[in-house]
């Protein structure tokens, strides 16, 4: 079974686009015909191959993906090309030559060749899921149908720049603690492998009874040093197990639940997710996509399986005829402020504008939270790292104080 992108026309003459599963193009066309649609275009979408087991996609697997920042720059440049009246094929080849990413350059050059052979821009992009995801392709297809491709590209560029900015803010909030944690692990390992054994040998030669804290640290040092290979295997095994577990559906859901509920960082991650959800949903609605198609794309672009599951539930309720806001409220996963602005947009017919305002609000919230967290986390991490290293250092010097007392009492002979 594969995934296919389609463009159809309903009995009322309305054009619709979306994605559906099938074993072949003919099967998908027959299925759409049976639903009363006039099929305008069907193309296989290979972006879903990433969900298959590795041995089923090894032959066509792409190593890496085009970053959001690179895609945002390309999108803005392509918008400028179209606004300047430069022919699309010539513009794409120029952008391919100037692209900083080799993967993006190869994809754009291939798209230019496909357009020369008669394919549309969106059809060419479908063949390169490593660079252009389903949401991006759907937006391009909507712009082609409406004749507003340059405007759609401008909206996409702004959207991608905003998404990249919010990702950068979240990464900056997480990077400093991660760096300090790695430094703390490295410093602790150095002390356990080099410093503690030296002191332990000295105290062993003196025949001194060591304090409990010192004995514990020396025992930890011996356990690590004498079982380096076993420790490395266990560490790598735990990391590999955790990585594979988070790639399963249940593991990903559990991990995403932990991320949005974790103290300190959880609120920032939740705000970033809400910003991305609102901006993606608002932009898709503004482009003219049907509500159910937009929700399907938002689900894939949410970046969090908990929120994606909630969007899927809301989509089912909307498809059953319920209101948009009430469907999202029923999931219990969206803040009241988001729901209130959605309700206002639903009543006024200006849902896209309200959602973009929600995204702008959460962007500001993330920026303020990151700034506050940075000023709070620096002294906290210094105390934690200093305390960890301090315990090891103090444990090594404690016997010296006891040794001094013993010498004064004549308890040791050297």
Protein backbone atom coordinates (compact mmCIF):
# COMPACT_ATOMS: atom_id res chain seq x y z
CA UNK A 1 0.00 0.00 0.00
CA UNK A 2 1.25 3.44 -0.95
CA UNK A 3 0.15 7.01 -0.31
CA UNK A 4 -1.18 9.08 -3.21
CA UNK A 5 -1.80 12.79 -3.62
CA UNK A 6 -4.88 13.63 -5.68
CA UNK A 7 -6.73 16.57 -7.18
CA UNK A 8 -10.42 15.98 -7.99
CA UNK A 9 -13.53 17.91 -8.90
CA UNK A 10 -16.80 17.30 -7.07
CA UNK A 11 -20.28 17.18 -8.60
CA UNK A 12 -20.73 20.85 -7.72
CA UNK A 13 -17.58 21.76 -9.67
CA UNK A 14 -15.43 22.41 -6.57
CA UNK A 15 -11.81 21.34 -6.80
CA UNK A 16 -10.46 19.34 -3.87
CA UNK A 17 -7.06 17.91 -3.04
CA UNK A 18 -5.78 15.48 -0.47
CA UNK A 19 -4.04 12.19 0.20
CA UNK A 20 -5.33 8.62 0.22
CA UNK A 21 -3.90 5.12 0.50
CA UNK A 22 -3.90 2.57 -2.32
CA UNK A 23 -1.85 -0.10 -4.04
CA UNK A 24 -1.69 1.67 -7.41
CA UNK A 25 -2.73 4.81 -9.27
CA UNK A 26 -5.49 2.90 -11.07
CA UNK A 27 -6.94 1.67 -7.80
CA UNK A 28 -6.97 5.20 -6.36
CA UNK A 29 -8.60 6.59 -9.52
CA UNK A 30 -11.29 3.89 -9.38
CA UNK A 31 -11.92 4.59 -5.71
CA UNK A 32 -12.29 8.33 -6.32
CA UNK A 33 -14.58 7.70 -9.29
CA UNK A 34 -16.77 5.49 -7.10
CA UNK A 35 -17.19 8.44 -4.74
CA UNK A 36 -18.50 10.61 -7.56
CA UNK A 37 -15.41 12.69 -8.19
CA UNK A 38 -13.88 13.67 -11.52
CA UNK A 39 -10.19 12.85 -11.17
CA UNK A 40 -7.87 15.59 -12.41
CA UNK A 41 -4.55 14.29 -11.13
CA UNK A 42 -3.12 11.45 -9.00
CA UNK A 43 0.55 11.14 -7.99
CA UNK A 44 2.24 8.74 -5.61
CA UNK A 45 3.55 10.47 -2.50
CA UNK A 46 6.67 8.71 -1.24
CA UNK A 47 7.07 10.87 1.86
CA UNK A 48 5.30 8.16 3.81
CA UNK A 49 8.10 5.70 3.09
CA UNK A 50 9.85 7.06 6.15
CA UNK A 51 7.39 5.16 8.31
CA UNK A 52 8.30 1.77 6.82
CA UNK A 53 10.82 -0.64 8.35
CA UNK A 54 14.39 0.09 7.29
CA UNK A 55 14.78 -3.08 5.24
CA UNK A 56 11.75 -2.11 3.11
CA UNK A 57 13.03 1.33 2.23
CA UNK A 58 16.82 0.89 2.22
CA UNK A 59 17.11 1.09 -1.54
CA UNK A 60 15.33 4.44 -1.75
CA UNK A 61 16.29 5.92 1.59
CA UNK A 62 17.54 9.52 1.68
CA UNK A 63 20.27 10.32 4.16
CA UNK A 64 19.23 13.42 6.07
CA UNK A 65 16.70 16.10 5.29
CA UNK A 66 16.74 19.68 4.14
CA UNK A 67 16.65 21.95 7.17
CA UNK A 68 13.81 24.39 7.81
CA UNK A 69 16.20 27.34 7.47
CA UNK A 70 17.45 26.19 4.05
CA UNK A 71 13.90 25.58 2.86
CA UNK A 72 12.77 29.00 4.09
CA UNK A 73 15.59 30.70 2.16
CA UNK A 74 14.80 28.73 -1.00
CA UNK A 75 11.09 29.53 -0.70
CA UNK A 76 11.70 33.24 -0.34
CA UNK A 77 14.10 33.23 -3.28
CA UNK A 78 11.61 31.33 -5.44
CA UNK A 79 8.89 33.82 -4.52
CA UNK A 80 11.18 36.66 -5.59
CA UNK A 81 11.94 34.85 -8.86
CA UNK A 82 8.24 34.57 -9.72
CA UNK A 83 7.47 38.15 -8.69
CA UNK A 84 10.31 39.34 -10.92
CA UNK A 85 8.79 37.53 -13.91
CA UNK A 86 11.73 35.17 -14.42
CA UNK A 87 10.71 31.90 -16.15
CA UNK A 88 10.22 29.14 -13.59
CA UNK A 89 12.65 26.61 -15.09
CA UNK A 90 15.43 29.17 -15.45
CA UNK A 91 14.80 30.46 -11.95
CA UNK A 92 14.88 26.97 -10.44
CA UNK A 93 18.17 26.14 -12.14
CA UNK A 94 19.67 29.36 -10.86
CA UNK A 95 18.50 28.55 -7.32
CA UNK A 96 19.85 25.00 -7.63
CA UNK A 97 23.28 26.37 -8.54
CA UNK A 98 23.27 28.73 -5.54
CA UNK A 99 21.75 26.35 -2.97
CA UNK A 100 23.90 25.77 0.10
CA UNK A 101 22.50 22.26 0.61
CA UNK A 102 23.61 19.63 -1.89
CA UNK A 103 20.43 17.65 -1.29
CA UNK A 104 18.23 20.69 -1.95
CA UNK A 105 20.27 21.59 -5.05
CA UNK A 106 19.79 18.11 -6.52
CA UNK A 107 16.06 18.18 -5.74
CA UNK A 108 15.52 21.62 -7.31
CA UNK A 109 17.53 20.70 -10.42
CA UNK A 110 15.43 17.56 -10.86
CA UNK A 111 12.21 19.54 -10.41
CA UNK A 112 13.33 21.94 -13.16
CA UNK A 113 13.87 18.97 -15.49
CA UNK A 114 10.45 17.55 -14.60
CA UNK A 115 8.75 20.87 -15.36
CA UNK A 116 10.46 20.91 -18.76
CA UNK A 117 8.93 17.48 -19.40
CA UNK A 118 5.47 18.85 -18.68
CA UNK A 119 4.95 18.18 -14.98
CA UNK A 120 3.73 20.86 -12.60
CA UNK A 121 5.85 22.35 -9.81
CA UNK A 122 3.87 20.50 -7.14
CA UNK A 123 4.21 17.19 -9.01
CA UNK A 124 7.97 17.63 -9.15
CA UNK A 125 8.12 18.40 -5.43
CA UNK A 126 6.14 15.26 -4.55
CA UNK A 127 9.09 13.22 -5.89
CA UNK A 128 11.40 14.81 -3.27
CA UNK A 129 9.90 14.27 0.19
CA UNK A 130 13.33 14.75 1.76
CA UNK A 131 13.01 18.43 0.87
CA UNK A 132 9.28 19.15 0.51
CA UNK A 133 6.78 17.61 2.90
CA UNK A 134 3.07 16.99 2.29
CA UNK A 135 2.00 20.33 3.72
CA UNK A 136 4.44 22.25 1.52
CA UNK A 137 3.32 20.39 -1.60
CA UNK A 138 -0.36 20.94 -0.79
CA UNK A 139 0.23 24.68 -0.39
CA UNK A 140 2.06 24.84 -3.72
CA UNK A 141 -0.75 22.89 -5.40
CA UNK A 142 -3.33 25.28 -3.95
CA UNK A 143 -1.35 28.23 -5.28
CA UNK A 144 -1.14 26.66 -8.74
CA UNK A 145 -4.89 26.09 -8.86
CA UNK A 146 -5.72 29.61 -7.67
CA UNK A 147 -3.07 31.33 -9.77
CA UNK A 148 -1.49 32.89 -6.67
CA UNK A 149 1.70 30.85 -6.47
CA UNK A 150 3.91 33.86 -5.73
CA UNK A 151 1.67 34.88 -2.81
CA UNK A 152 1.57 31.33 -1.47
CA UNK A 153 5.36 31.14 -1.63
CA UNK A 154 5.61 34.42 0.27
CA UNK A 155 3.28 33.04 2.97
CA UNK A 156 5.28 29.80 3.08
CA UNK A 157 8.54 31.71 3.46
CA UNK A 158 7.17 33.71 6.39
CA UNK A 159 5.77 30.55 7.94
CA UNK A 160 9.05 28.63 7.65
CA UNK A 161 11.04 31.58 9.02
CA UNK A 162 8.71 31.75 12.03
CA UNK A 163 8.95 28.00 12.59
CA UNK A 164 12.75 28.15 12.39
CA UNK A 165 12.82 31.08 14.83
CA UNK A 166 10.70 29.25 17.39
CA UNK A 167 12.82 26.09 17.01
CA UNK A 168 15.95 28.16 17.60
CA UNK A 169 14.49 29.68 20.78
CA UNK A 170 13.53 26.28 22.18
CA UNK A 171 16.94 24.83 21.29
CA UNK A 172 18.66 27.74 23.00
CA UNK A 173 16.66 27.03 26.15
CA UNK A 174 17.70 23.36 26.11
CA UNK A 175 21.26 23.64 24.81
CA UNK A 176 22.85 25.31 27.86
CA UNK A 177 21.65 22.72 30.41
CA UNK A 178 22.66 19.96 28.00
CA UNK A 179 26.14 21.42 27.61
CA UNK A 180 26.56 21.77 31.36
CA UNK A 181 25.33 18.19 31.84
CA UNK A 182 27.90 16.85 29.35
CA UNK A 183 30.61 18.91 31.06
CA UNK A 184 29.57 17.55 34.47
CA UNK A 185 29.69 13.95 33.21
CA UNK A 186 33.12 14.53 31.65
CA UNK A 187 34.51 16.19 34.78
CA UNK A 188 33.13 13.43 37.01
CA UNK A 189 34.61 10.74 34.75
CA UNK A 190 38.02 12.46 34.87
CA UNK A 191 37.93 12.59 38.66
CA UNK A 192 36.86 8.95 38.96
CA UNK A 193 39.45 7.66 36.47
CA UNK A 194 42.46 9.83 37.34
CA UNK A 195 42.22 11.70 40.64
CA UNK A 196 40.36 9.29 42.91
CA UNK A 197 42.65 6.27 42.17
CA UNK A 198 45.72 8.38 43.01
CA UNK A 199 44.34 9.36 46.39
CA UNK A 200 43.11 5.80 47.01
CA UNK A 201 46.64 4.41 46.49
CA UNK A 202 48.10 6.97 48.90
CA UNK A 203 45.56 6.14 51.59
CA UNK A 204 46.03 2.40 51.02
CA UNK A 205 49.81 2.75 51.59
CA UNK A 206 49.14 4.61 54.81
CA UNK A 207 46.79 1.89 56.01
CA UNK A 208 44.28 4.48 57.15
CA UNK A 209 40.60 3.71 57.75
CA UNK A 210 38.67 5.89 55.31
CA UNK A 211 35.48 7.85 56.09
CA UNK A 212 32.23 6.45 54.68
CA UNK A 213 31.89 9.10 51.96
CA UNK A 214 35.43 8.48 50.75
CA UNK A 215 34.88 4.72 50.72
CA UNK A 216 31.73 5.17 48.61
CA UNK A 217 33.52 7.36 46.04
CA UNK A 218 36.51 5.00 45.86
CA UNK A 219 34.17 2.02 45.39
CA UNK A 220 32.38 3.87 42.56
CA UNK A 221 35.73 4.68 40.94
CA UNK A 222 36.89 1.05 41.15
CA UNK A 223 33.61 -0.25 39.76
CA UNK A 224 33.80 2.08 36.75
CA UNK A 225 37.52 1.58 36.05
CA UNK A 226 37.48 -2.19 36.36
CA UNK A 227 34.40 -2.59 34.17
CA UNK A 228 35.00 -0.04 31.42
CA UNK A 229 33.90 -2.33 28.62
CA UNK A 230 30.80 -3.52 30.47
CA UNK A 231 29.90 0.06 31.42
CA UNK A 232 30.30 1.18 27.80
CA UNK A 233 28.15 -1.70 26.51
CA UNK A 234 25.44 -0.99 29.08
CA UNK A 235 25.49 2.73 28.30
CA UNK A 236 25.31 2.19 24.53
CA UNK A 237 22.62 -0.46 25.00
CA UNK A 238 20.46 1.84 27.10
CA UNK A 239 20.84 4.69 24.59
CA UNK A 240 20.06 2.39 21.64
CA UNK A 241 17.05 0.87 23.40
CA UNK A 242 15.73 4.33 24.27
CA UNK A 243 16.24 5.52 20.69
CA UNK A 244 14.42 2.53 19.19
CA UNK A 245 11.66 2.75 21.79
CA UNK A 246 10.98 6.39 20.96
CA UNK A 247 10.59 5.37 17.30
CA UNK A 248 7.62 3.15 18.16
CA UNK A 249 4.14 4.64 18.31
CA UNK A 250 3.69 4.02 22.02
CA UNK A 251 7.23 5.14 22.82
CA UNK A 252 6.88 8.34 20.83
CA UNK A 253 3.57 9.10 22.51
CA UNK A 254 5.01 8.46 25.99
CA UNK A 255 8.07 10.60 25.23
CA UNK A 256 6.00 13.47 23.84
CA UNK A 257 3.74 13.29 26.89
CA UNK A 258 6.77 13.52 29.16
CA UNK A 259 8.19 16.48 27.21
CA UNK A 260 5.07 18.61 27.54
CA UNK A 261 4.62 17.71 31.21
CA UNK A 262 8.21 17.97 32.41
CA UNK A 263 8.92 20.76 34.90
CA UNK A 264 10.56 24.01 33.79
CA UNK A 265 10.93 23.07 30.11
CA UNK A 266 7.46 21.58 29.58
CA UNK A 267 5.59 24.92 29.45
CA UNK A 268 8.03 26.27 26.84
CA UNK A 269 7.63 23.16 24.68
CA UNK A 270 3.82 23.35 24.98
CA UNK A 271 3.82 26.99 23.91
CA UNK A 272 6.08 26.23 20.94
CA UNK A 273 3.77 23.39 19.86
CA UNK A 274 0.68 25.60 20.12
CA UNK A 275 2.42 28.29 18.10
CA UNK A 276 3.30 25.83 15.36
CA UNK A 277 -0.18 24.31 15.34
CA UNK A 278 -1.91 27.68 15.11
CA UNK A 279 0.39 29.09 12.44
CA UNK A 280 0.19 25.96 10.28
CA UNK A 281 -3.58 25.67 10.58
CA UNK A 282 -4.13 29.37 9.92
CA UNK A 283 -1.87 29.42 6.88
CA UNK A 284 -3.52 26.35 5.36
CA UNK A 285 -6.98 27.83 5.84
CA UNK A 286 -5.83 31.11 4.31
CA UNK A 287 -4.60 29.25 1.23
CA UNK A 288 -8.14 27.95 0.65
CA UNK A 289 -7.66 24.28 1.54
CA UNK A 290 -10.79 22.45 2.77
CA UNK A 291 -10.96 22.19 6.55
CA UNK A 292 -10.54 18.39 6.68
CA UNK A 293 -7.54 18.44 4.34
CA UNK A 294 -6.02 21.24 6.40
CA UNK A 295 -6.48 19.28 9.63
CA UNK A 296 -4.85 16.20 8.10
CA UNK A 297 -1.80 18.26 7.16
CA UNK A 298 -1.70 20.07 10.50
CA UNK A 299 -1.71 16.70 12.26
CA UNK A 300 1.46 15.68 10.42
CA UNK A 301 3.16 19.04 10.99
CA UNK A 302 2.37 19.39 14.70
CA UNK A 303 5.67 17.83 15.78
CA UNK A 304 4.11 16.14 18.82
CA UNK A 305 2.19 12.84 18.76
CA UNK A 306 -0.04 13.84 21.69
CA UNK A 307 -1.24 16.94 19.87
CA UNK A 308 -1.42 15.03 16.58
CA UNK A 309 -3.71 12.45 18.19
CA UNK A 310 -5.91 15.25 19.56
CA UNK A 311 -6.08 16.89 16.10
CA UNK A 312 -7.07 13.56 14.59
CA UNK A 313 -9.90 13.25 17.12
CA UNK A 314 -11.02 16.80 16.35
CA UNK A 315 -10.92 16.05 12.64
CA UNK A 316 -13.22 13.09 13.16
CA UNK A 317 -15.70 15.26 15.04
CA UNK A 318 -15.58 17.99 12.40
CA UNK A 319 -16.14 15.39 9.69
CA UNK A 320 -19.19 14.19 11.63
CA UNK A 321 -20.69 17.68 11.46
CA UNK A 322 -19.63 19.20 14.79
CA UNK A 323 -18.23 22.70 15.12
CA UNK A 324 -14.51 23.30 14.84
CA UNK A 325 -14.05 24.88 18.27
CA UNK A 326 -16.26 22.37 20.07
CA UNK A 327 -14.37 19.53 18.40
CA UNK A 328 -11.03 20.84 19.63
CA UNK A 329 -12.41 21.58 23.10
CA UNK A 330 -13.60 17.98 23.40
CA UNK A 331 -10.01 16.71 23.14
CA UNK A 332 -8.96 18.52 26.33
CA UNK A 333 -5.48 19.20 24.88
CA UNK A 334 -5.78 22.83 23.81
CA UNK A 335 -5.56 25.92 26.05
CA UNK A 336 -8.71 27.95 26.62
CA UNK A 337 -7.18 31.04 25.03
CA UNK A 338 -6.64 29.15 21.78
CA UNK A 339 -10.22 27.85 21.87
CA UNK A 340 -11.70 31.26 22.57
CA UNK A 341 -9.93 32.88 19.63
CA UNK A 342 -10.87 29.93 17.42
CA UNK A 343 -14.50 30.41 18.47
CA UNK A 344 -14.30 34.10 17.58
CA UNK A 345 -12.81 33.26 14.19
CA UNK A 346 -15.45 30.59 13.58
CA UNK A 347 -18.26 33.05 14.35
CA UNK A 348 -16.82 35.85 12.21
CA UNK A 349 -15.55 33.66 9.36
CA UNK A 350 -12.01 34.91 10.03
CA UNK A 351 -10.51 31.77 11.53
CA UNK A 352 -7.16 32.06 9.73
CA UNK A 353 -6.49 35.55 11.10
CA UNK A 354 -7.38 34.51 14.65
CA UNK A 355 -5.09 31.48 14.47
CA UNK A 356 -2.18 33.57 13.24
CA UNK A 357 -2.76 35.95 16.16
CA UNK A 358 -2.63 32.95 18.50
CA UNK A 359 0.70 31.96 16.97
CA UNK A 360 2.14 35.47 17.34
CA UNK A 361 1.04 35.50 20.99
CA UNK A 362 2.75 32.19 21.74
CA UNK A 363 5.88 33.26 19.85
CA UNK A 364 6.20 36.19 22.26
CA UNK A 365 5.50 33.89 25.21
CA UNK A 366 8.25 31.49 24.16
CA UNK A 367 10.75 34.30 23.72
CA UNK A 368 9.95 35.71 27.17
CA UNK A 369 10.05 32.26 28.78
CA UNK A 370 13.41 31.43 27.21
CA UNK A 371 14.87 34.73 28.41
CA UNK A 372 13.60 34.14 31.98
CA UNK A 373 14.72 30.52 31.98
CA UNK A 374 18.21 31.38 30.78
CA UNK A 375 18.73 33.84 33.62
CA UNK A 376 17.40 31.27 36.12
CA UNK A 377 19.06 28.11 34.83
CA UNK A 378 22.65 29.41 34.70
CA UNK A 379 23.15 29.83 38.47
CA UNK A 380 21.11 26.67 39.13
CA UNK A 381 23.31 24.53 36.88
CA UNK A 382 26.47 26.06 38.37
CA UNK A 383 25.26 25.03 41.84
CA UNK A 384 24.41 21.50 40.65
CA UNK A 385 27.73 20.93 38.86
CA UNK A 386 29.70 22.56 41.64
CA UNK A 387 27.94 20.39 44.20
CA UNK A 388 28.61 17.19 42.27
CA UNK A 389 32.30 17.87 41.77
CA UNK A 390 32.58 19.31 45.25
CA UNK A 391 31.33 16.10 46.85
CA UNK A 392 34.03 14.06 45.07
CA UNK A 393 36.79 16.54 45.94
CA UNK A 394 35.73 16.81 49.59
CA UNK A 395 35.53 13.02 49.87
CA UNK A 396 39.18 12.82 48.78
CA UNK A 397 40.38 15.37 51.32
CA UNK A 398 38.35 14.14 54.29
CA UNK A 399 40.91 11.44 55.21
CA UNK A 400 43.61 14.11 55.39
CA UNK A 401 41.74 15.83 58.20
CA UNK A 402 41.36 12.52 60.02
CA UNK A 403 45.01 11.75 59.32
CA UNK A 404 46.07 14.97 61.00
CA UNK A 405 44.09 14.10 64.10
CA UNK A 406 45.58 10.60 64.17
CA UNK A 407 49.13 11.92 63.95
CA UNK A 408 48.49 14.39 66.77
CA UNK A 409 47.28 11.46 68.91
CA UNK A 410 50.12 9.19 67.82
CA UNK A 411 47.72 6.69 66.34
CA UNK A 412 49.73 6.04 63.15
CA UNK A 413 53.36 5.05 62.60
CA UNK A 414 55.12 5.96 59.41
